[in-house]
PDB file of N, CA and C in Angstrom:
ATOM      1  N   MET A   1      60.465  51.748   1.746  1.00  0.00           N
ATOM      2  CA  MET A   1      61.290  51.254   0.661  1.00  0.00           C
ATOM      3  C   MET A   1      60.376  50.706  -0.434  1.00  0.00           C
ATOM      4  N   ALA A   2      60.721  50.951  -1.669  1.00  0.00           N
ATOM      5  CA  ALA A   2      59.924  50.508  -2.807  1.00  0.00           C
ATOM      6  C   ALA A   2      60.077  49.005  -3.015  1.00  0.00           C
ATOM      7  N   GLN A   3      59.018  48.446  -3.570  1.00  0.00           N
ATOM      8  CA  GLN A   3      59.033  47.016  -3.905  1.00  0.00           C
ATOM      9  C   GLN A   3      60.101  46.759  -4.957  1.00  0.00           C
ATOM     10  N   GLN A   4      60.836  45.651  -4.782  1.00  0.00           N
ATOM     11  CA  GLN A   4      61.870  45.284  -5.747  1.00  0.00           C
ATOM     12  C   GLN A   4      61.466  44.014  -6.479  1.00  0.00           C
ATOM     13  N   VAL A   5      62.013  43.843  -7.671  1.00  0.00           N
ATOM     14  CA  VAL A   5      61.794  42.642  -8.465  1.00  0.00           C
ATOM     15  C   VAL A   5      63.137  41.953  -8.644  1.00  0.00           C
ATOM     16  N   PHE A   6      63.170  40.650  -8.360  1.00  0.00           N
ATOM     17  CA  PHE A   6      64.386  39.857  -8.482  1.00  0.00           C
ATOM     18  C   PHE A   6      64.165  38.755  -9.503  1.00  0.00           C
ATOM     19  N   ASN A   7      65.067  38.623 -10.458  1.00  0.00           N
ATOM     20  CA  ASN A   7      65.097  37.501 -11.390  1.00  0.00           C
ATOM     21  C   ASN A   7      66.278  36.636 -10.969  1.00  0.00           C
ATOM     22  N   VAL A   8      65.978  35.434 -10.472  1.00  0.00           N
ATOM     23  CA  VAL A   8      67.005  34.627  -9.825  1.00  0.00           C
ATOM     24  C   VAL A   8      66.947  33.189 -10.316  1.00  0.00           C
ATOM     25  N   THR A   9      68.115  32.578 -10.471  1.00  0.00           N
ATOM     26  CA  THR A   9      68.167  31.143 -10.695  1.00  0.00           C
ATOM     27  C   THR A   9      68.176  30.469  -9.322  1.00  0.00           C
ATOM     28  N   THR A  10      67.636  29.264  -9.245  1.00  0.00           N
ATOM     29  CA  THR A  10      67.491  28.603  -7.951  1.00  0.00           C
ATOM     30  C   THR A  10      68.828  28.387  -7.246  1.00  0.00           C
ATOM     31  N   ASP A  11      69.910  28.242  -8.002  1.00  0.00           N
ATOM     32  CA  ASP A  11      71.202  28.030  -7.355  1.00  0.00           C
ATOM     33  C   ASP A  11      71.733  29.305  -6.694  1.00  0.00           C
ATOM     34  N   LYS A  12      71.163  30.465  -7.006  1.00  0.00           N
ATOM     35  CA  LYS A  12      71.595  31.738  -6.412  1.00  0.00           C
ATOM     36  C   LYS A  12      70.569  32.295  -5.422  1.00  0.00           C
ATOM     37  N   LEU A  13      69.502  31.553  -5.169  1.00  0.00           N
ATOM     38  CA  LEU A  13      68.425  32.040  -4.312  1.00  0.00           C
ATOM     39  C   LEU A  13      68.909  32.406  -2.914  1.00  0.00           C
ATOM     40  N   ASN A  14      69.735  31.560  -2.316  1.00  0.00           N
ATOM     41  CA  ASN A  14      70.229  31.846  -0.962  1.00  0.00           C
ATOM     42  C   ASN A  14      71.003  33.147  -0.887  1.00  0.00           C
ATOM     43  N   ASP A  15      71.604  33.568  -1.995  1.00  0.00           N
ATOM     44  CA  ASP A  15      72.379  34.810  -2.005  1.00  0.00           C
ATOM     45  C   ASP A  15      71.506  36.052  -1.862  1.00  0.00           C
ATOM     46  N   ILE A  16      70.264  35.991  -2.354  1.00  0.00           N
ATOM     47  CA  ILE A  16      69.419  37.181  -2.304  1.00  0.00           C
ATOM     48  C   ILE A  16      68.440  37.179  -1.141  1.00  0.00           C
ATOM     49  N   ILE A  17      68.268  36.054  -0.476  1.00  0.00           N
ATOM     50  CA  ILE A  17      67.284  35.970   0.611  1.00  0.00           C
ATOM     51  C   ILE A  17      67.477  37.076   1.652  1.00  0.00           C
ATOM     52  N   PRO A  18      68.705  37.385   2.080  1.00  0.00           N
ATOM     53  CA  PRO A  18      68.847  38.461   3.062  1.00  0.00           C
ATOM     54  C   PRO A  18      68.356  39.829   2.567  1.00  0.00           C
ATOM     55  N   GLN A  19      68.297  40.015   1.268  1.00  0.00           N
ATOM     56  CA  GLN A  19      67.872  41.295   0.698  1.00  0.00           C
ATOM     57  C   GLN A  19      66.353  41.408   0.571  1.00  0.00           C
ATOM     58  N   LEU A  20      65.640  40.289   0.635  1.00  0.00           N
ATOM     59  CA  LEU A  20      64.203  40.293   0.377  1.00  0.00           C
ATOM     60  C   LEU A  20      63.422  40.964   1.489  1.00  0.00           C
ATOM     61  N   ARG A  21      62.385  41.691   1.085  1.00  0.00           N
ATOM     62  CA  ARG A  21      61.484  42.359   2.016  1.00  0.00           C
ATOM     63  C   ARG A  21      60.051  42.015   1.621  1.00  0.00           C
ATOM     64  N   VAL A  22      59.135  42.189   2.556  1.00  0.00           N
ATOM     65  CA  VAL A  22      57.731  41.929   2.277  1.00  0.00           C
ATOM     66  C   VAL A  22      57.309  42.760   1.072  1.00  0.00           C
ATOM     67  N   GLY A  23      56.642  42.119   0.129  1.00  0.00           N
ATOM     68  CA  GLY A  23      56.169  42.811  -1.060  1.00  0.00           C
ATOM     69  C   GLY A  23      57.070  42.664  -2.266  1.00  0.00           C
ATOM     70  N   ASP A  24      58.311  42.232  -2.066  1.00  0.00           N
ATOM     71  CA  ASP A  24      59.215  42.018  -3.196  1.00  0.00           C
ATOM     72  C   ASP A  24      58.685  40.868  -4.061  1.00  0.00           C
ATOM     73  N   ARG A  25      59.013  40.921  -5.343  1.00  0.00           N
ATOM     74  CA  ARG A  25      58.662  39.842  -6.261  1.00  0.00           C
ATOM     75  C   ARG A  25      59.933  39.100  -6.636  1.00  0.00           C
ATOM     76  N   VAL A  26      59.827  37.781  -6.655  1.00  0.00           N
ATOM     77  CA  VAL A  26      60.963  36.942  -7.023  1.00  0.00           C
ATOM     78  C   VAL A  26      60.521  36.021  -8.149  1.00  0.00           C
ATOM     79  N   TYR A  27      61.210  36.129  -9.273  1.00  0.00           N
ATOM     80  CA  TYR A  27      60.969  35.244 -10.412  1.00  0.00           C
ATOM     81  C   TYR A  27      62.103  34.228 -10.439  1.00  0.00           C
ATOM     82  N   LEU A  28      61.733  32.947 -10.300  1.00  0.00           N
ATOM     83  CA  LEU A  28      62.720  31.872 -10.232  1.00  0.00           C
ATOM     84  C   LEU A  28      62.829  31.142 -11.554  1.00  0.00           C
ATOM     85  N   SER A  29      64.043  30.745 -11.867  1.00  0.00           N
ATOM     86  CA  SER A  29      64.255  29.807 -12.963  1.00  0.00           C
ATOM     87  C   SER A  29      65.219  28.749 -12.438  1.00  0.00           C
ATOM     88  N   GLY A  30      65.010  27.522 -12.869  1.00  0.00           N
ATOM     89  CA  GLY A  30      65.835  26.425 -12.385  1.00  0.00           C
ATOM     90  C   GLY A  30      64.959  25.325 -11.822  1.00  0.00           C
ATOM     91  N   THR A  31      65.571  24.396 -11.126  1.00  0.00           N
ATOM     92  CA  THR A  31      64.850  23.248 -10.577  1.00  0.00           C
ATOM     93  C   THR A  31      64.246  23.597  -9.230  1.00  0.00           C
ATOM     94  N   VAL A  32      62.964  23.311  -9.075  1.00  0.00           N
ATOM     95  CA  VAL A  32      62.253  23.520  -7.811  1.00  0.00           C
ATOM     96  C   VAL A  32      61.559  22.210  -7.474  1.00  0.00           C
ATOM     97  N   TYR A  33      61.811  21.680  -6.282  1.00  0.00           N
ATOM     98  CA  TYR A  33      61.171  20.447  -5.837  1.00  0.00           C
ATOM     99  C   TYR A  33      59.918  20.814  -5.055  1.00  0.00           C
ATOM    100  N   THR A  34      58.789  20.204  -5.395  1.00  0.00           N
ATOM    101  CA  THR A  34      57.535  20.460  -4.696  1.00  0.00           C
ATOM    102  C   THR A  34      56.869  19.129  -4.375  1.00  0.00           C
ATOM    103  N   ALA A  35      55.892  19.177  -3.464  1.00  0.00           N
ATOM    104  CA  ALA A  35      55.117  17.984  -3.140  1.00  0.00           C
ATOM    105  C   ALA A  35      53.752  18.418  -2.626  1.00  0.00           C
ATOM    106  N   ARG A  36      52.758  17.577  -2.858  1.00  0.00           N
ATOM    107  CA  ARG A  36      51.417  17.831  -2.366  1.00  0.00           C
ATOM    108  C   ARG A  36      51.284  17.221  -0.969  1.00  0.00           C
ATOM    109  N   ASP A  37      50.159  17.513  -0.288  1.00  0.00           N
ATOM    110  CA  ASP A  37      49.940  17.027   1.071  1.00  0.00           C
ATOM    111  C   ASP A  37      50.116  15.516   1.183  1.00  0.00           C
ATOM    112  N   ALA A  38      49.567  14.774   0.248  1.00  0.00           N
ATOM    113  CA  ALA A  38      49.691  13.313   0.298  1.00  0.00           C
ATOM    114  C   ALA A  38      51.147  12.891   0.159  1.00  0.00           C
ATOM    115  N   ALA A  39      51.893  13.617  -0.673  1.00  0.00           N
ATOM    116  CA  ALA A  39      53.311  13.296  -0.847  1.00  0.00           C
ATOM    117  C   ALA A  39      54.083  13.596   0.440  1.00  0.00           C
ATOM    118  N   HIS A  40      53.751  14.695   1.103  1.00  0.00           N
ATOM    119  CA  HIS A  40      54.417  15.013   2.375  1.00  0.00           C
ATOM    120  C   HIS A  40      54.181  13.895   3.387  1.00  0.00           C
ATOM    121  N   LYS A  41      52.942  13.443   3.469  1.00  0.00           N
ATOM    122  CA  LYS A  41      52.614  12.371   4.410  1.00  0.00           C
ATOM    123  C   LYS A  41      53.432  11.116   4.098  1.00  0.00           C
ATOM    124  N   ARG A  42      53.545  10.794   2.823  1.00  0.00           N
ATOM    125  CA  ARG A  42      54.312   9.604   2.412  1.00  0.00           C
ATOM    126  C   ARG A  42      55.798   9.788   2.701  1.00  0.00           C
ATOM    127  N   ILE A  43      56.317  10.984   2.457  1.00  0.00           N
ATOM    128  CA  ILE A  43      57.727  11.263   2.732  1.00  0.00           C
ATOM    129  C   ILE A  43      58.027  11.075   4.212  1.00  0.00           C
ATOM    130  N   PHE A  44      57.163  11.624   5.084  1.00  0.00           N
ATOM    131  CA  PHE A  44      57.384  11.458   6.525  1.00  0.00           C
ATOM    132  C   PHE A  44      57.305   9.994   6.930  1.00  0.00           C
ATOM    133  N   ALA A  45      56.376   9.238   6.335  1.00  0.00           N
ATOM    134  CA  ALA A  45      56.278   7.815   6.650  1.00  0.00           C
ATOM    135  C   ALA A  45      57.555   7.092   6.252  1.00  0.00           C
ATOM    136  N   LEU A  46      58.079   7.410   5.074  1.00  0.00           N
ATOM    137  CA  LEU A  46      59.332   6.785   4.631  1.00  0.00           C
ATOM    138  C   LEU A  46      60.486   7.142   5.554  1.00  0.00           C
ATOM    139  N   LEU A  47      60.572   8.408   5.944  1.00  0.00           N
ATOM    140  CA  LEU A  47      61.651   8.825   6.843  1.00  0.00           C
ATOM    141  C   LEU A  47      61.519   8.160   8.212  1.00  0.00           C
ATOM    142  N   ASP A  48      60.280   8.034   8.690  1.00  0.00           N
ATOM    143  CA  ASP A  48      60.060   7.351   9.967  1.00  0.00           C
ATOM    144  C   ASP A  48      60.488   5.890   9.898  1.00  0.00           C
ATOM    145  N   GLU A  49      60.369   5.291   8.719  1.00  0.00           N
ATOM    146  CA  GLU A  49      60.784   3.897   8.524  1.00  0.00           C
ATOM    147  C   GLU A  49      62.291   3.783   8.310  1.00  0.00           C
ATOM    148  N   GLY A  50      62.989   4.921   8.278  1.00  0.00           N
ATOM    149  CA  GLY A  50      64.434   4.893   8.115  1.00  0.00           C
ATOM    150  C   GLY A  50      64.915   5.017   6.683  1.00  0.00           C
ATOM    151  N   ALA A  51      64.018   5.342   5.767  1.00  0.00           N
ATOM    152  CA  ALA A  51      64.415   5.494   4.363  1.00  0.00           C
ATOM    153  C   ALA A  51      65.328   6.716   4.212  1.00  0.00           C
ATOM    154  N   GLU A  52      66.240   6.650   3.279  1.00  0.00           N
ATOM    155  CA  GLU A  52      67.159   7.755   3.012  1.00  0.00           C
ATOM    156  C   GLU A  52      66.528   8.743   2.041  1.00  0.00           C
ATOM    157  N   LEU A  53      67.000   9.967   2.092  1.00  0.00           N
ATOM    158  CA  LEU A  53      66.572  10.940   1.093  1.00  0.00           C
ATOM    159  C   LEU A  53      67.029  10.463  -0.279  1.00  0.00           C
ATOM    160  N   PRO A  54      66.276  10.790  -1.294  1.00  0.00           N
ATOM    161  CA  PRO A  54      66.694  10.362  -2.631  1.00  0.00           C
ATOM    162  C   PRO A  54      68.116  10.830  -2.936  1.00  0.00           C
ATOM    163  N   SER A  55      68.890   9.945  -3.501  1.00  0.00           N
ATOM    164  CA  SER A  55      70.293  10.267  -3.772  1.00  0.00           C
ATOM    165  C   SER A  55      70.456  11.312  -4.853  1.00  0.00           C
ATOM    166  N   LEU A  56      69.380  11.637  -5.560  1.00  0.00           N
ATOM    167  CA  LEU A  56      69.503  12.632  -6.621  1.00  0.00           C
ATOM    168  C   LEU A  56      69.620  14.049  -6.075  1.00  0.00           C
ATOM    169  N   LEU A  57      69.339  14.250  -4.811  1.00  0.00           N
ATOM    170  CA  LEU A  57      69.463  15.592  -4.242  1.00  0.00           C
ATOM    171  C   LEU A  57      70.933  15.925  -4.002  1.00  0.00           C
ATOM    172  N   PRO A  58      71.375  17.093  -4.451  1.00  0.00           N
ATOM    173  CA  PRO A  58      72.766  17.480  -4.216  1.00  0.00           C
ATOM    174  C   PRO A  58      73.006  17.740  -2.736  1.00  0.00           C
ATOM    175  N   PHE A  59      74.270  17.659  -2.314  1.00  0.00           N
ATOM    176  CA  PHE A  59      74.616  17.749  -0.891  1.00  0.00           C
ATOM    177  C   PHE A  59      74.060  18.976  -0.188  1.00  0.00           C
ATOM    178  N   PRO A  60      74.233  20.169  -0.655  1.00  0.00           N
ATOM    179  CA  PRO A  60      73.731  21.274   0.168  1.00  0.00           C
ATOM    180  C   PRO A  60      72.220  21.185   0.384  1.00  0.00           C
ATOM    181  N   LEU A  61      71.482  20.811  -0.649  1.00  0.00           N
ATOM    182  CA  LEU A  61      70.030  20.720  -0.536  1.00  0.00           C
ATOM    183  C   LEU A  61      69.632  19.593   0.409  1.00  0.00           C
ATOM    184  N   SER A  62      70.274  18.434   0.281  1.00  0.00           N
ATOM    185  CA  SER A  62      69.912  17.321   1.156  1.00  0.00           C
ATOM    186  C   SER A  62      70.211  17.651   2.623  1.00  0.00           C
ATOM    187  N   LEU A  63      71.282  18.386   2.879  1.00  0.00           N
ATOM    188  CA  LEU A  63      71.588  18.798   4.254  1.00  0.00           C
ATOM    189  C   LEU A  63      70.529  19.763   4.778  1.00  0.00           C
ATOM    190  N   GLU A  64      70.116  20.704   3.952  1.00  0.00           N
ATOM    191  CA  GLU A  64      69.082  21.654   4.371  1.00  0.00           C
ATOM    192  C   GLU A  64      67.773  20.931   4.682  1.00  0.00           C
ATOM    193  N   ILE A  65      67.431  19.949   3.862  1.00  0.00           N
ATOM    194  CA  ILE A  65      66.193  19.195   4.096  1.00  0.00           C
ATOM    195  C   ILE A  65      66.304  18.389   5.384  1.00  0.00           C
ATOM    196  N   ARG A  66      67.448  17.722   5.593  1.00  0.00           N
ATOM    197  CA  ARG A  66      67.623  16.945   6.828  1.00  0.00           C
ATOM    198  C   ARG A  66      67.592  17.856   8.056  1.00  0.00           C
ATOM    199  N   ALA A  67      68.188  19.042   7.967  1.00  0.00           N
ATOM    200  CA  ALA A  67      68.165  19.994   9.085  1.00  0.00           C
ATOM    201  C   ALA A  67      66.747  20.503   9.339  1.00  0.00           C
ATOM    202  N   THR A  68      66.010  20.752   8.273  1.00  0.00           N
ATOM    203  CA  THR A  68      64.619  21.200   8.417  1.00  0.00           C
ATOM    204  C   THR A  68      63.778  20.131   9.095  1.00  0.00           C
ATOM    205  N   LEU A  69      63.944  18.884   8.661  1.00  0.00           N
ATOM    206  CA  LEU A  69      63.197  17.789   9.281  1.00  0.00           C
ATOM    207  C   LEU A  69      63.585  17.606  10.745  1.00  0.00           C
ATOM    208  N   ALA A  70      64.877  17.654  11.030  1.00  0.00           N
ATOM    209  CA  ALA A  70      65.335  17.503  12.419  1.00  0.00           C
ATOM    210  C   ALA A  70      64.825  18.652  13.273  1.00  0.00           C
ATOM    211  N   GLY A  71      64.834  19.859  12.732  1.00  0.00           N
ATOM    212  CA  GLY A  71      64.322  21.018  13.470  1.00  0.00           C
ATOM    213  C   GLY A  71      62.829  20.926  13.703  1.00  0.00           C
ATOM    214  N   GLY A  72      62.109  20.470  12.686  1.00  0.00           N
ATOM    215  CA  GLY A  72      60.663  20.307  12.837  1.00  0.00           C
ATOM    216  C   GLY A  72      60.315  19.291  13.908  1.00  0.00           C
ATOM    217  N   ARG A  73      61.033  18.190  13.884  1.00  0.00           N
ATOM    218  CA  ARG A  73      60.792  17.166  14.915  1.00  0.00           C
ATOM    219  C   ARG A  73      61.168  17.688  16.307  1.00  0.00           C
ATOM    220  N   ALA A  74      62.254  18.445  16.386  1.00  0.00           N
ATOM    221  CA  ALA A  74      62.686  18.979  17.681  1.00  0.00           C
ATOM    222  C   ALA A  74      61.668  19.974  18.234  1.00  0.00           C
ATOM    223  N   ILE A  75      61.106  20.823  17.372  1.00  0.00           N
ATOM    224  CA  ILE A  75      60.128  21.794  17.869  1.00  0.00           C
ATOM    225  C   ILE A  75      58.848  21.077  18.284  1.00  0.00           C
ATOM    226  N   LEU A  76      58.482  20.008  17.566  1.00  0.00           N
ATOM    227  CA  LEU A  76      57.312  19.234  17.985  1.00  0.00           C
ATOM    228  C   LEU A  76      57.542  18.575  19.341  1.00  0.00           C
ATOM    229  N   ASP A  77      58.767  18.093  19.583  1.00  0.00           N
ATOM    230  CA  ASP A  77      59.097  17.521  20.889  1.00  0.00           C
ATOM    231  C   ASP A  77      58.976  18.575  21.984  1.00  0.00           C
ATOM    232  N   LYS A  78      59.442  19.799  21.705  1.00  0.00           N
ATOM    233  CA  LYS A  78      59.328  20.875  22.698  1.00  0.00           C
ATOM    234  C   LYS A  78      57.858  21.208  22.984  1.00  0.00           C
ATOM    235  N   ILE A  79      57.057  21.250  21.925  1.00  0.00           N
ATOM    236  CA  ILE A  79      55.627  21.533  22.103  1.00  0.00           C
ATOM    237  C   ILE A  79      54.982  20.446  22.951  1.00  0.00           C
ATOM    238  N   GLU A  80      55.327  19.196  22.679  1.00  0.00           N
ATOM    239  CA  GLU A  80      54.774  18.096  23.471  1.00  0.00           C
ATOM    240  C   GLU A  80      55.223  18.187  24.928  1.00  0.00           C
ATOM    241  N   SER A  81      56.484  18.556  25.154  1.00  0.00           N
ATOM    242  CA  SER A  81      56.990  18.656  26.533  1.00  0.00           C
ATOM    243  C   SER A  81      56.305  19.779  27.313  1.00  0.00           C
ATOM    244  N   GLN A  82      55.685  20.709  26.605  1.00  0.00           N
ATOM    245  CA  GLN A  82      54.927  21.803  27.245  1.00  0.00           C
ATOM    246  C   GLN A  82      53.439  21.469  27.305  1.00  0.00           C
ATOM    247  N   ASN A  83      53.105  20.202  27.163  1.00  0.00           N
ATOM    248  CA  ASN A  83      51.709  19.755  27.148  1.00  0.00           C
ATOM    249  C   ASN A  83      50.904  20.463  26.074  1.00  0.00           C
ATOM    250  N   PHE A  84      51.552  20.737  24.947  1.00  0.00           N
ATOM    251  CA  PHE A  84      50.932  21.330  23.770  1.00  0.00           C
ATOM    252  C   PHE A  84      50.412  22.748  24.014  1.00  0.00           C
ATOM    253  N   ASP A  85      50.915  23.400  25.057  1.00  0.00           N
ATOM    254  CA  ASP A  85      50.526  24.780  25.363  1.00  0.00           C
ATOM    255  C   ASP A  85      51.523  25.736  24.712  1.00  0.00           C
ATOM    256  N   THR A  86      51.168  26.250  23.561  1.00  0.00           N
ATOM    257  CA  THR A  86      52.057  27.185  22.863  1.00  0.00           C
ATOM    258  C   THR A  86      51.606  28.631  23.050  1.00  0.00           C
ATOM    259  N   LEU A  87      50.525  28.838  23.792  1.00  0.00           N
ATOM    260  CA  LEU A  87      50.029  30.193  23.995  1.00  0.00           C
ATOM    261  C   LEU A  87      50.697  30.889  25.178  1.00  0.00           C
ATOM    262  N   SER A  88      50.894  30.153  26.276  1.00  0.00           N
ATOM    263  CA  SER A  88      51.502  30.797  27.435  1.00  0.00           C
ATOM    264  C   SER A  88      53.021  30.843  27.354  1.00  0.00           C
ATOM    265  N   LYS A  89      53.617  29.922  26.595  1.00  0.00           N
ATOM    266  CA  LYS A  89      55.071  29.932  26.417  1.00  0.00           C
ATOM    267  C   LYS A  89      55.401  29.417  25.024  1.00  0.00           C
ATOM    268  N   ARG A  90      56.031  30.269  24.260  1.00  0.00           N
ATOM    269  CA  ARG A  90      56.400  29.895  22.893  1.00  0.00           C
ATOM    270  C   ARG A  90      57.627  28.985  22.928  1.00  0.00           C
ATOM    271  N   PRO A  91      57.549  27.813  22.284  1.00  0.00           N
ATOM    272  CA  PRO A  91      58.724  26.948  22.258  1.00  0.00           C
ATOM    273  C   PRO A  91      59.831  27.586  21.419  1.00  0.00           C
ATOM    274  N   ALA A  92      61.055  27.484  21.891  1.00  0.00           N
ATOM    275  CA  ALA A  92      62.181  28.089  21.171  1.00  0.00           C
ATOM    276  C   ALA A  92      63.420  27.219  21.352  1.00  0.00           C
ATOM    277  N   PHE A  93      64.363  27.402  20.446  1.00  0.00           N
ATOM    278  CA  PHE A  93      65.618  26.668  20.500  1.00  0.00           C
ATOM    279  C   PHE A  93      66.700  27.520  21.143  1.00  0.00           C
ATOM    280  N   ASN A  94      67.505  26.886  21.993  1.00  0.00           N
ATOM    281  CA  ASN A  94      68.707  27.555  22.494  1.00  0.00           C
ATOM    282  C   ASN A  94      69.886  27.088  21.633  1.00  0.00           C
ATOM    283  N   LYS A  95      71.082  27.552  21.942  1.00  0.00           N
ATOM    284  CA  LYS A  95      72.246  27.211  21.116  1.00  0.00           C
ATOM    285  C   LYS A  95      72.517  25.710  21.095  1.00  0.00           C
ATOM    286  N   LEU A  96      72.364  25.056  22.236  1.00  0.00           N
ATOM    287  CA  LEU A  96      72.601  23.614  22.305  1.00  0.00           C
ATOM    288  C   LEU A  96      71.604  22.858  21.415  1.00  0.00           C
ATOM    289  N   ASP A  97      70.340  23.277  21.439  1.00  0.00           N
ATOM    290  CA  ASP A  97      69.341  22.647  20.573  1.00  0.00           C
ATOM    291  C   ASP A  97      69.745  22.758  19.106  1.00  0.00           C
ATOM    292  N   LYS A  98      70.222  23.937  18.710  1.00  0.00           N
ATOM    293  CA  LYS A  98      70.616  24.166  17.318  1.00  0.00           C
ATOM    294  C   LYS A  98      71.799  23.290  16.930  1.00  0.00           C
ATOM    295  N   VAL A  99      72.737  23.114  17.840  1.00  0.00           N
ATOM    296  CA  VAL A  99      73.887  22.249  17.571  1.00  0.00           C
ATOM    297  C   VAL A  99      73.421  20.802  17.407  1.00  0.00           C
ATOM    298  N   LYS A 100      72.500  20.368  18.271  1.00  0.00           N
ATOM    299  CA  LYS A 100      71.970  19.005  18.175  1.00  0.00           C
ATOM    300  C   LYS A 100      71.273  18.776  16.837  1.00  0.00           C
ATOM    301  N   ILE A 101      70.518  19.763  16.387  1.00  0.00           N
ATOM    302  CA  ILE A 101      69.819  19.649  15.103  1.00  0.00           C
ATOM    303  C   ILE A 101      70.827  19.519  13.973  1.00  0.00           C
ATOM    304  N   LEU A 102      71.863  20.337  14.007  1.00  0.00           N
ATOM    305  CA  LEU A 102      72.889  20.279  12.961  1.00  0.00           C
ATOM    306  C   LEU A 102      73.590  18.922  12.973  1.00  0.00           C
ATOM    307  N   ILE A 103      73.911  18.424  14.155  1.00  0.00           N
ATOM    308  CA  ILE A 103      74.571  17.118  14.247  1.00  0.00           C
ATOM    309  C   ILE A 103      73.663  16.016  13.692  1.00  0.00           C
ATOM    310  N   ARG A 104      72.369  16.057  14.060  1.00  0.00           N
ATOM    311  CA  ARG A 104      71.448  15.055  13.537  1.00  0.00           C
ATOM    312  C   ARG A 104      71.379  15.119  12.014  1.00  0.00           C
ATOM    313  N   ALA A 105      71.382  16.331  11.477  1.00  0.00           N
ATOM    314  CA  ALA A 105      71.312  16.484  10.019  1.00  0.00           C
ATOM    315  C   ALA A 105      72.570  15.960   9.355  1.00  0.00           C
ATOM    316  N   LEU A 106      73.703  16.193   9.955  1.00  0.00           N
ATOM    317  CA  LEU A 106      74.965  15.745   9.367  1.00  0.00           C
ATOM    318  C   LEU A 106      75.138  14.237   9.451  1.00  0.00           C
ATOM    319  N   LEU A 107      74.607  13.614  10.500  1.00  0.00           N
ATOM    320  CA  LEU A 107      74.801  12.186  10.701  1.00  0.00           C
ATOM    321  C   LEU A 107      73.797  11.324   9.971  1.00  0.00           C
ATOM    322  N   LYS A 108      72.744  11.896   9.470  1.00  0.00           N
ATOM    323  CA  LYS A 108      71.738  11.094   8.744  1.00  0.00           C
ATOM    324  C   LYS A 108      72.223  10.745   7.376  1.00  0.00           C
TER     325      LYS A 108
END
């Protein structure tokens, strides 16, 4: 399949993600939130202290971020429970794990 070019606004990005293939180009316009390594470290420290996500984030985005954080923490817990051995057995989520992550994201 030939490489495709997508011109997308950030609010429509989720609509085209299923269509994307390796090598496609995506040109974004709209608001994009980024952070450097030091900012990531500070964000995790704030979240560990119980700080809330900034209220300026709209609901769908804040839910996605909370789900991503909950999923990241859950996979780290699985890796730790395997004594950090990810070579002989890849950590994975079952359906119950996914439901727990969603619940944690919704309740935060």
